[in-house]
Amino acid sequence: MAGTSRFERIRDQLEKLFAETGEPVARRATAAALLHHKIPSVSWTGFYLLHDGELIVDVYQGPVACLHLQAHTGVCWAAIDRGEPLIVPDVHAFPGHIPCDARTRSELVVPLHRPDGTPAGVLDIDSTRPHRFTPADLEGYILIARFLEEHRAI
């Protein structure tokens, strides 16, 4: 499990790396790679972004993902529709869960916003371990999500 200080170190690394380019896709790709390889026991780390009202996969690390998530169904859409981050200890118990990878057992999702405050998509993290994510993990991923928003990576 990751403490907040781990996420603060990741944020500091991202800040240095982001100095090399202002390109949002490069910044998201770097964030996904860094998070995926620095946080233990995660199986998928990436982004789904809203395009014309649809959640479409963006940059990620891990197994092949669903390219498009059915509107207002599953964990990612629940986070957007509720306007709040979610920890799902057992995805199989979540109503409408979309099984992009049958091995996934738990999930953490943080909504992302455009500069005007409207929803832009989500940062989505999966694990093959049930009950993998803690409130400290959620706090850390929120820290990274807000950093990405502030640094025009979304």
N, C-alpha and C. Protein backbone atom coordinates (compact mmCIF):
# COMPACT_ATOMS: atom_id res chain seq x y z
N MET A 1 0.84 -1.18 0.00
CA MET A 1 0.00 0.00 0.00
C MET A 1 0.88 1.24 0.00
N ALA A 2 0.42 2.24 -0.65
CA ALA A 2 1.22 3.43 -0.85
C ALA A 2 0.79 4.53 0.11
N GLY A 3 1.77 5.16 0.75
CA GLY A 3 1.49 6.31 1.60
C GLY A 3 1.49 7.57 0.77
N THR A 4 0.98 8.64 1.36
CA THR A 4 0.90 9.92 0.65
C THR A 4 2.28 10.41 0.24
N SER A 5 3.31 10.16 1.07
CA SER A 5 4.65 10.63 0.73
C SER A 5 5.14 10.02 -0.59
N ARG A 6 4.75 8.79 -0.88
CA ARG A 6 5.11 8.16 -2.16
C ARG A 6 4.50 8.96 -3.31
N PHE A 7 3.25 9.35 -3.16
CA PHE A 7 2.58 10.14 -4.19
C PHE A 7 3.18 11.54 -4.30
N GLU A 8 3.61 12.09 -3.20
CA GLU A 8 4.27 13.40 -3.25
C GLU A 8 5.58 13.31 -4.03
N ARG A 9 6.31 12.21 -3.83
CA ARG A 9 7.56 12.00 -4.59
C ARG A 9 7.25 11.83 -6.08
N ILE A 10 6.18 11.11 -6.39
CA ILE A 10 5.78 10.93 -7.80
C ILE A 10 5.40 12.29 -8.39
N ARG A 11 4.64 13.08 -7.65
CA ARG A 11 4.27 14.42 -8.12
C ARG A 11 5.52 15.24 -8.40
N ASP A 12 6.50 15.18 -7.51
CA ASP A 12 7.74 15.94 -7.71
C ASP A 12 8.49 15.45 -8.96
N GLN A 13 8.50 14.14 -9.19
CA GLN A 13 9.13 13.61 -10.39
C GLN A 13 8.39 14.10 -11.64
N LEU A 14 7.07 14.07 -11.59
CA LEU A 14 6.28 14.53 -12.73
C LEU A 14 6.55 16.00 -13.02
N GLU A 15 6.66 16.80 -11.98
CA GLU A 15 6.92 18.22 -12.18
C GLU A 15 8.22 18.43 -12.96
N LYS A 16 9.25 17.68 -12.61
CA LYS A 16 10.53 17.79 -13.32
C LYS A 16 10.39 17.30 -14.77
N LEU A 17 9.69 16.18 -14.95
CA LEU A 17 9.53 15.63 -16.30
C LEU A 17 8.66 16.52 -17.18
N PHE A 18 7.63 17.13 -16.59
CA PHE A 18 6.74 18.00 -17.35
C PHE A 18 7.44 19.24 -17.86
N ALA A 19 8.56 19.60 -17.28
CA ALA A 19 9.31 20.77 -17.75
C ALA A 19 9.83 20.56 -19.17
N GLU A 20 9.88 19.30 -19.61
CA GLU A 20 10.41 18.99 -20.94
C GLU A 20 9.40 19.23 -22.06
N THR A 21 8.09 19.20 -21.74
CA THR A 21 7.08 19.42 -22.77
C THR A 21 5.76 19.86 -22.14
N GLY A 22 5.03 20.65 -22.88
CA GLY A 22 3.70 21.06 -22.46
C GLY A 22 2.61 20.24 -23.12
N GLU A 23 3.00 19.25 -23.91
CA GLU A 23 2.04 18.41 -24.65
C GLU A 23 1.23 17.55 -23.68
N PRO A 24 -0.10 17.73 -23.63
CA PRO A 24 -0.93 16.98 -22.67
C PRO A 24 -0.86 15.46 -22.80
N VAL A 25 -0.83 14.93 -24.02
CA VAL A 25 -0.77 13.48 -24.19
C VAL A 25 0.54 12.93 -23.63
N ALA A 26 1.64 13.60 -23.90
CA ALA A 26 2.93 13.17 -23.37
C ALA A 26 2.92 13.21 -21.85
N ARG A 27 2.29 14.22 -21.30
CA ARG A 27 2.22 14.34 -19.84
C ARG A 27 1.37 13.22 -19.24
N ARG A 28 0.23 12.91 -19.85
CA ARG A 28 -0.60 11.81 -19.34
C ARG A 28 0.12 10.47 -19.48
N ALA A 29 0.79 10.27 -20.60
CA ALA A 29 1.51 9.01 -20.82
C ALA A 29 2.61 8.84 -19.77
N THR A 30 3.31 9.91 -19.48
CA THR A 30 4.38 9.86 -18.48
C THR A 30 3.79 9.59 -17.10
N ALA A 31 2.68 10.25 -16.78
CA ALA A 31 2.04 10.03 -15.48
C ALA A 31 1.57 8.58 -15.34
N ALA A 32 0.94 8.04 -16.38
CA ALA A 32 0.46 6.66 -16.33
C ALA A 32 1.63 5.69 -16.12
N ALA A 33 2.70 5.88 -16.85
CA ALA A 33 3.85 4.99 -16.73
C ALA A 33 4.48 5.09 -15.34
N LEU A 34 4.68 6.30 -14.87
CA LEU A 34 5.31 6.48 -13.57
C LEU A 34 4.44 5.89 -12.45
N LEU A 35 3.16 6.20 -12.45
CA LEU A 35 2.27 5.65 -11.42
C LEU A 35 2.23 4.13 -11.48
N HIS A 36 2.13 3.59 -12.69
CA HIS A 36 1.99 2.14 -12.83
C HIS A 36 3.22 1.39 -12.31
N HIS A 37 4.37 1.96 -12.51
CA HIS A 37 5.60 1.27 -12.12
C HIS A 37 6.07 1.61 -10.71
N LYS A 38 5.53 2.65 -10.12
CA LYS A 38 5.94 3.05 -8.77
C LYS A 38 4.96 2.59 -7.68
N ILE A 39 3.74 2.24 -8.05
CA ILE A 39 2.74 1.82 -7.07
C ILE A 39 2.58 0.30 -7.17
N PRO A 40 2.84 -0.41 -6.08
CA PRO A 40 2.78 -1.88 -6.14
C PRO A 40 1.35 -2.41 -6.24
N SER A 41 1.24 -3.59 -6.79
CA SER A 41 0.00 -4.37 -6.83
C SER A 41 -1.12 -3.73 -7.65
N VAL A 42 -0.76 -2.97 -8.68
CA VAL A 42 -1.78 -2.47 -9.60
C VAL A 42 -1.60 -3.20 -10.93
N SER A 43 -2.71 -3.44 -11.61
CA SER A 43 -2.66 -4.18 -12.87
C SER A 43 -2.94 -3.28 -14.08
N TRP A 44 -3.55 -2.12 -13.85
CA TRP A 44 -3.88 -1.20 -14.94
C TRP A 44 -3.90 0.20 -14.39
N THR A 45 -3.27 1.12 -15.10
CA THR A 45 -3.23 2.52 -14.71
C THR A 45 -3.42 3.35 -15.96
N GLY A 46 -4.45 4.18 -15.98
CA GLY A 46 -4.64 4.98 -17.17
C GLY A 46 -5.80 5.94 -17.09
N PHE A 47 -6.17 6.42 -18.26
CA PHE A 47 -7.16 7.47 -18.37
C PHE A 47 -8.27 7.08 -19.34
N TYR A 48 -9.47 7.46 -18.99
CA TYR A 48 -10.59 7.47 -19.92
C TYR A 48 -11.02 8.92 -20.02
N LEU A 49 -11.12 9.44 -21.23
CA LEU A 49 -11.50 10.84 -21.43
C LEU A 49 -12.83 10.94 -22.17
N LEU A 50 -13.58 11.97 -21.82
CA LEU A 50 -14.86 12.23 -22.47
C LEU A 50 -14.64 12.87 -23.83
N HIS A 51 -15.25 12.27 -24.84
CA HIS A 51 -15.26 12.80 -26.21
C HIS A 51 -16.69 12.73 -26.70
N ASP A 52 -17.29 13.87 -26.92
CA ASP A 52 -18.68 13.93 -27.40
C ASP A 52 -19.62 13.08 -26.55
N GLY A 53 -19.44 13.17 -25.23
CA GLY A 53 -20.32 12.46 -24.30
C GLY A 53 -20.00 10.99 -24.11
N GLU A 54 -18.90 10.51 -24.69
CA GLU A 54 -18.51 9.11 -24.54
C GLU A 54 -17.18 9.02 -23.81
N LEU A 55 -17.03 7.99 -22.96
CA LEU A 55 -15.76 7.74 -22.30
C LEU A 55 -14.93 6.81 -23.18
N ILE A 56 -13.81 7.34 -23.66
CA ILE A 56 -12.93 6.61 -24.58
C ILE A 56 -11.56 6.43 -23.91
N VAL A 57 -10.99 5.24 -24.06
CA VAL A 57 -9.69 4.98 -23.46
C VAL A 57 -8.65 5.95 -24.02
N ASP A 58 -7.75 6.36 -23.15
CA ASP A 58 -6.64 7.25 -23.51
C ASP A 58 -5.36 6.49 -23.16
N VAL A 59 -4.32 7.17 -22.84
CA VAL A 59 -3.05 6.50 -22.54
C VAL A 59 -3.18 5.66 -21.27
N TYR A 60 -2.47 4.52 -21.26
CA TYR A 60 -2.53 3.62 -20.10
C TYR A 60 -1.34 2.67 -20.10
N GLN A 61 -1.18 1.99 -18.97
CA GLN A 61 -0.23 0.91 -18.79
C GLN A 61 -1.01 -0.29 -18.30
N GLY A 62 -0.73 -1.48 -18.86
CA GLY A 62 -1.42 -2.69 -18.43
C GLY A 62 -2.01 -3.42 -19.61
N PRO A 63 -2.84 -4.43 -19.33
CA PRO A 63 -3.45 -5.21 -20.41
C PRO A 63 -4.38 -4.35 -21.27
N VAL A 64 -4.70 -4.87 -22.44
CA VAL A 64 -5.60 -4.17 -23.37
C VAL A 64 -6.88 -3.82 -22.63
N ALA A 65 -7.34 -2.60 -22.87
CA ALA A 65 -8.50 -2.06 -22.16
C ALA A 65 -9.72 -2.01 -23.06
N CYS A 66 -10.88 -1.82 -22.45
CA CYS A 66 -12.09 -1.51 -23.21
C CYS A 66 -11.83 -0.18 -23.91
N LEU A 67 -12.17 -0.09 -25.18
CA LEU A 67 -11.93 1.15 -25.92
C LEU A 67 -12.97 2.21 -25.60
N HIS A 68 -14.18 1.76 -25.28
CA HIS A 68 -15.31 2.66 -25.06
C HIS A 68 -16.10 2.09 -23.89
N LEU A 69 -16.48 2.93 -22.94
CA LEU A 69 -17.27 2.47 -21.79
C LEU A 69 -18.73 2.89 -21.97
N GLN A 70 -19.63 1.93 -21.86
CA GLN A 70 -21.06 2.21 -22.03
C GLN A 70 -21.47 3.35 -21.11
N ALA A 71 -22.19 4.29 -21.65
CA ALA A 71 -22.57 5.51 -20.93
C ALA A 71 -23.32 5.21 -19.63
N HIS A 72 -22.88 5.88 -18.59
CA HIS A 72 -23.54 5.85 -17.28
C HIS A 72 -23.64 4.45 -16.69
N THR A 73 -22.64 3.63 -17.01
CA THR A 73 -22.55 2.26 -16.51
C THR A 73 -21.14 2.04 -15.98
N GLY A 74 -20.99 1.30 -14.90
CA GLY A 74 -19.69 0.93 -14.38
C GLY A 74 -19.08 1.97 -13.46
N VAL A 75 -17.89 1.66 -12.98
CA VAL A 75 -17.20 2.45 -11.96
C VAL A 75 -16.76 3.81 -12.49
N CYS A 76 -16.19 3.85 -13.68
CA CYS A 76 -15.69 5.13 -14.22
C CYS A 76 -16.83 6.12 -14.41
N TRP A 77 -17.93 5.66 -14.99
CA TRP A 77 -19.07 6.54 -15.18
C TRP A 77 -19.68 6.93 -13.84
N ALA A 78 -19.69 6.02 -12.87
CA ALA A 78 -20.24 6.36 -11.54
C ALA A 78 -19.46 7.51 -10.93
N ALA A 79 -18.13 7.49 -11.07
CA ALA A 79 -17.31 8.57 -10.53
C ALA A 79 -17.64 9.90 -11.20
N ILE A 80 -17.85 9.87 -12.51
CA ILE A 80 -18.20 11.09 -13.23
C ILE A 80 -19.61 11.54 -12.85
N ASP A 81 -20.55 10.62 -12.88
CA ASP A 81 -21.95 10.97 -12.59
C ASP A 81 -22.13 11.48 -11.17
N ARG A 82 -21.40 10.91 -10.22
CA ARG A 82 -21.49 11.35 -8.82
C ARG A 82 -20.62 12.57 -8.54
N GLY A 83 -19.63 12.79 -9.42
CA GLY A 83 -18.71 13.90 -9.22
C GLY A 83 -17.77 13.70 -8.06
N GLU A 84 -17.42 12.42 -7.81
CA GLU A 84 -16.53 12.14 -6.68
C GLU A 84 -15.69 10.90 -6.96
N PRO A 85 -14.50 10.85 -6.34
CA PRO A 85 -13.65 9.67 -6.48
C PRO A 85 -14.30 8.45 -5.82
N LEU A 86 -13.94 7.28 -6.31
CA LEU A 86 -14.49 6.04 -5.78
C LEU A 86 -13.40 5.01 -5.54
N ILE A 87 -13.54 4.29 -4.45
CA ILE A 87 -12.79 3.06 -4.22
C ILE A 87 -13.81 1.94 -4.25
N VAL A 88 -13.55 0.94 -5.06
CA VAL A 88 -14.44 -0.22 -5.13
C VAL A 88 -13.62 -1.44 -4.69
N PRO A 89 -13.87 -1.94 -3.47
CA PRO A 89 -13.08 -3.06 -2.94
C PRO A 89 -13.26 -4.36 -3.72
N ASP A 90 -14.48 -4.56 -4.26
CA ASP A 90 -14.78 -5.78 -5.03
C ASP A 90 -15.63 -5.37 -6.24
N VAL A 91 -14.99 -5.29 -7.40
CA VAL A 91 -15.70 -4.82 -8.59
C VAL A 91 -16.85 -5.74 -8.98
N HIS A 92 -16.76 -7.01 -8.62
CA HIS A 92 -17.82 -7.95 -8.98
C HIS A 92 -19.11 -7.66 -8.21
N ALA A 93 -19.00 -6.93 -7.12
CA ALA A 93 -20.19 -6.56 -6.34
C ALA A 93 -20.72 -5.18 -6.73
N PHE A 94 -20.05 -4.51 -7.67
CA PHE A 94 -20.47 -3.16 -8.07
C PHE A 94 -21.50 -3.27 -9.19
N PRO A 95 -22.70 -2.69 -8.99
CA PRO A 95 -23.74 -2.78 -10.02
C PRO A 95 -23.29 -2.17 -11.35
N GLY A 96 -23.42 -2.94 -12.42
CA GLY A 96 -23.07 -2.45 -13.75
C GLY A 96 -21.59 -2.47 -14.07
N HIS A 97 -20.78 -3.11 -13.22
CA HIS A 97 -19.33 -3.15 -13.48
C HIS A 97 -19.06 -3.64 -14.90
N ILE A 98 -18.14 -2.98 -15.58
CA ILE A 98 -17.76 -3.35 -16.95
C ILE A 98 -16.44 -4.13 -16.86
N PRO A 99 -16.44 -5.43 -17.11
CA PRO A 99 -15.24 -6.24 -16.94
C PRO A 99 -14.30 -6.19 -18.16
N CYS A 100 -13.49 -5.16 -18.23
CA CYS A 100 -12.52 -5.06 -19.33
C CYS A 100 -11.44 -6.13 -19.20
N ASP A 101 -11.08 -6.47 -17.96
CA ASP A 101 -10.11 -7.53 -17.67
C ASP A 101 -10.72 -8.37 -16.55
N ALA A 102 -11.04 -9.61 -16.83
CA ALA A 102 -11.72 -10.48 -15.86
C ALA A 102 -10.90 -10.69 -14.59
N ARG A 103 -9.60 -10.43 -14.65
CA ARG A 103 -8.75 -10.61 -13.47
C ARG A 103 -8.88 -9.47 -12.47
N THR A 104 -9.42 -8.33 -12.89
CA THR A 104 -9.54 -7.17 -12.00
C THR A 104 -10.49 -7.49 -10.86
N ARG A 105 -10.06 -7.15 -9.65
CA ARG A 105 -10.89 -7.40 -8.46
C ARG A 105 -11.25 -6.12 -7.72
N SER A 106 -10.38 -5.09 -7.77
CA SER A 106 -10.68 -3.83 -7.09
C SER A 106 -10.27 -2.68 -8.00
N GLU A 107 -10.85 -1.50 -7.71
CA GLU A 107 -10.64 -0.37 -8.60
C GLU A 107 -10.71 0.94 -7.82
N LEU A 108 -9.95 1.91 -8.29
CA LEU A 108 -9.97 3.26 -7.74
C LEU A 108 -10.09 4.21 -8.92
N VAL A 109 -11.03 5.16 -8.84
CA VAL A 109 -11.26 6.09 -9.95
C VAL A 109 -11.37 7.51 -9.41
N VAL A 110 -10.66 8.43 -10.07
CA VAL A 110 -10.70 9.85 -9.70
C VAL A 110 -11.18 10.65 -10.91
N PRO A 111 -12.28 11.38 -10.78
CA PRO A 111 -12.73 12.24 -11.88
C PRO A 111 -11.70 13.34 -12.18
N LEU A 112 -11.61 13.70 -13.44
CA LEU A 112 -10.72 14.77 -13.90
C LEU A 112 -11.57 15.87 -14.51
N HIS A 113 -11.08 17.10 -14.40
CA HIS A 113 -11.85 18.25 -14.86
C HIS A 113 -11.04 19.14 -15.79
N ARG A 114 -11.76 19.78 -16.70
CA ARG A 114 -11.16 20.79 -17.57
C ARG A 114 -10.96 22.07 -16.75
N PRO A 115 -10.21 23.03 -17.29
CA PRO A 115 -10.00 24.28 -16.55
C PRO A 115 -11.30 25.00 -16.17
N ASP A 116 -12.36 24.81 -16.95
CA ASP A 116 -13.63 25.47 -16.61
C ASP A 116 -14.46 24.68 -15.59
N GLY A 117 -13.92 23.56 -15.10
CA GLY A 117 -14.58 22.77 -14.07
C GLY A 117 -15.49 21.67 -14.58
N THR A 118 -15.70 21.58 -15.89
CA THR A 118 -16.55 20.53 -16.44
C THR A 118 -15.79 19.20 -16.46
N PRO A 119 -16.51 18.08 -16.39
CA PRO A 119 -15.84 16.77 -16.40
C PRO A 119 -15.05 16.55 -17.70
N ALA A 120 -13.84 16.01 -17.54
CA ALA A 120 -12.99 15.70 -18.69
C ALA A 120 -12.78 14.21 -18.85
N GLY A 121 -12.95 13.44 -17.77
CA GLY A 121 -12.70 12.01 -17.80
C GLY A 121 -12.30 11.53 -16.42
N VAL A 122 -11.53 10.43 -16.40
CA VAL A 122 -11.11 9.85 -15.12
C VAL A 122 -9.68 9.31 -15.19
N LEU A 123 -9.06 9.28 -14.04
CA LEU A 123 -7.85 8.50 -13.79
C LEU A 123 -8.36 7.20 -13.18
N ASP A 124 -8.03 6.07 -13.80
CA ASP A 124 -8.57 4.77 -13.42
C ASP A 124 -7.43 3.84 -13.06
N ILE A 125 -7.53 3.21 -11.89
CA ILE A 125 -6.50 2.29 -11.42
C ILE A 125 -7.17 0.97 -11.05
N ASP A 126 -6.64 -0.15 -11.55
CA ASP A 126 -7.19 -1.48 -11.25
C ASP A 126 -6.14 -2.32 -10.54
N SER A 127 -6.63 -3.31 -9.80
CA SER A 127 -5.76 -4.29 -9.17
C SER A 127 -6.42 -5.66 -9.25
N THR A 128 -5.60 -6.69 -9.33
CA THR A 128 -6.11 -8.06 -9.31
C THR A 128 -6.36 -8.52 -7.87
N ARG A 129 -5.98 -7.70 -6.90
CA ARG A 129 -6.22 -8.00 -5.48
C ARG A 129 -7.52 -7.35 -5.01
N PRO A 130 -8.40 -8.11 -4.38
CA PRO A 130 -9.58 -7.47 -3.80
C PRO A 130 -9.15 -6.58 -2.63
N HIS A 131 -9.89 -5.52 -2.39
CA HIS A 131 -9.64 -4.62 -1.26
C HIS A 131 -8.22 -4.03 -1.30
N ARG A 132 -7.68 -3.80 -2.49
CA ARG A 132 -6.31 -3.30 -2.64
C ARG A 132 -6.16 -1.85 -2.20
N PHE A 133 -7.15 -1.02 -2.45
CA PHE A 133 -6.99 0.43 -2.29
C PHE A 133 -7.51 0.92 -0.95
N THR A 134 -6.75 1.85 -0.36
CA THR A 134 -7.06 2.41 0.95
C THR A 134 -7.42 3.89 0.81
N PRO A 135 -7.95 4.49 1.86
CA PRO A 135 -8.17 5.94 1.83
C PRO A 135 -6.88 6.72 1.57
N ALA A 136 -5.74 6.23 2.05
CA ALA A 136 -4.46 6.90 1.78
C ALA A 136 -4.11 6.84 0.30
N ASP A 137 -4.39 5.72 -0.34
CA ASP A 137 -4.18 5.62 -1.79
C ASP A 137 -5.06 6.63 -2.51
N LEU A 138 -6.33 6.70 -2.10
CA LEU A 138 -7.26 7.63 -2.73
C LEU A 138 -6.74 9.06 -2.60
N GLU A 139 -6.29 9.42 -1.41
CA GLU A 139 -5.74 10.77 -1.20
C GLU A 139 -4.55 11.02 -2.12
N GLY A 140 -3.70 10.01 -2.28
CA GLY A 140 -2.53 10.15 -3.16
C GLY A 140 -2.90 10.30 -4.62
N TYR A 141 -3.83 9.49 -5.09
CA TYR A 141 -4.26 9.60 -6.49
C TYR A 141 -5.00 10.91 -6.75
N ILE A 142 -5.73 11.40 -5.76
CA ILE A 142 -6.37 12.72 -5.91
C ILE A 142 -5.30 13.79 -6.04
N LEU A 143 -4.24 13.70 -5.24
CA LEU A 143 -3.12 14.64 -5.33
C LEU A 143 -2.56 14.68 -6.75
N ILE A 144 -2.36 13.50 -7.33
CA ILE A 144 -1.82 13.42 -8.69
C ILE A 144 -2.83 13.96 -9.71
N ALA A 145 -4.10 13.61 -9.55
CA ALA A 145 -5.12 14.09 -10.48
C ALA A 145 -5.18 15.62 -10.48
N ARG A 146 -5.16 16.22 -9.32
CA ARG A 146 -5.21 17.69 -9.25
C ARG A 146 -3.95 18.31 -9.85
N PHE A 147 -2.82 17.66 -9.64
CA PHE A 147 -1.57 18.13 -10.25
C PHE A 147 -1.68 18.10 -11.77
N LEU A 148 -2.23 17.01 -12.31
CA LEU A 148 -2.40 16.89 -13.76
C LEU A 148 -3.32 17.97 -14.30
N GLU A 149 -4.40 18.23 -13.58
CA GLU A 149 -5.32 19.30 -14.00
C GLU A 149 -4.63 20.65 -14.00
N GLU A 150 -3.89 20.93 -12.95
CA GLU A 150 -3.21 22.23 -12.81
C GLU A 150 -2.10 22.42 -13.84
N HIS A 151 -1.51 21.30 -14.29
CA HIS A 151 -0.39 21.37 -15.23
C HIS A 151 -0.81 21.04 -16.65
N ARG A 152 -2.08 21.25 -16.94
CA ARG A 152 -2.62 21.12 -18.29
C ARG A 152 -2.28 19.80 -18.98
N ALA A 153 -2.42 18.73 -18.21
CA ALA A 153 -2.20 17.40 -18.78
C ALA A 153 -3.53 16.79 -19.21
N ILE A 154 -4.63 17.46 -18.90
CA ILE A 154 -5.96 16.92 -19.21
C ILE A 154 -6.56 17.73 -20.37
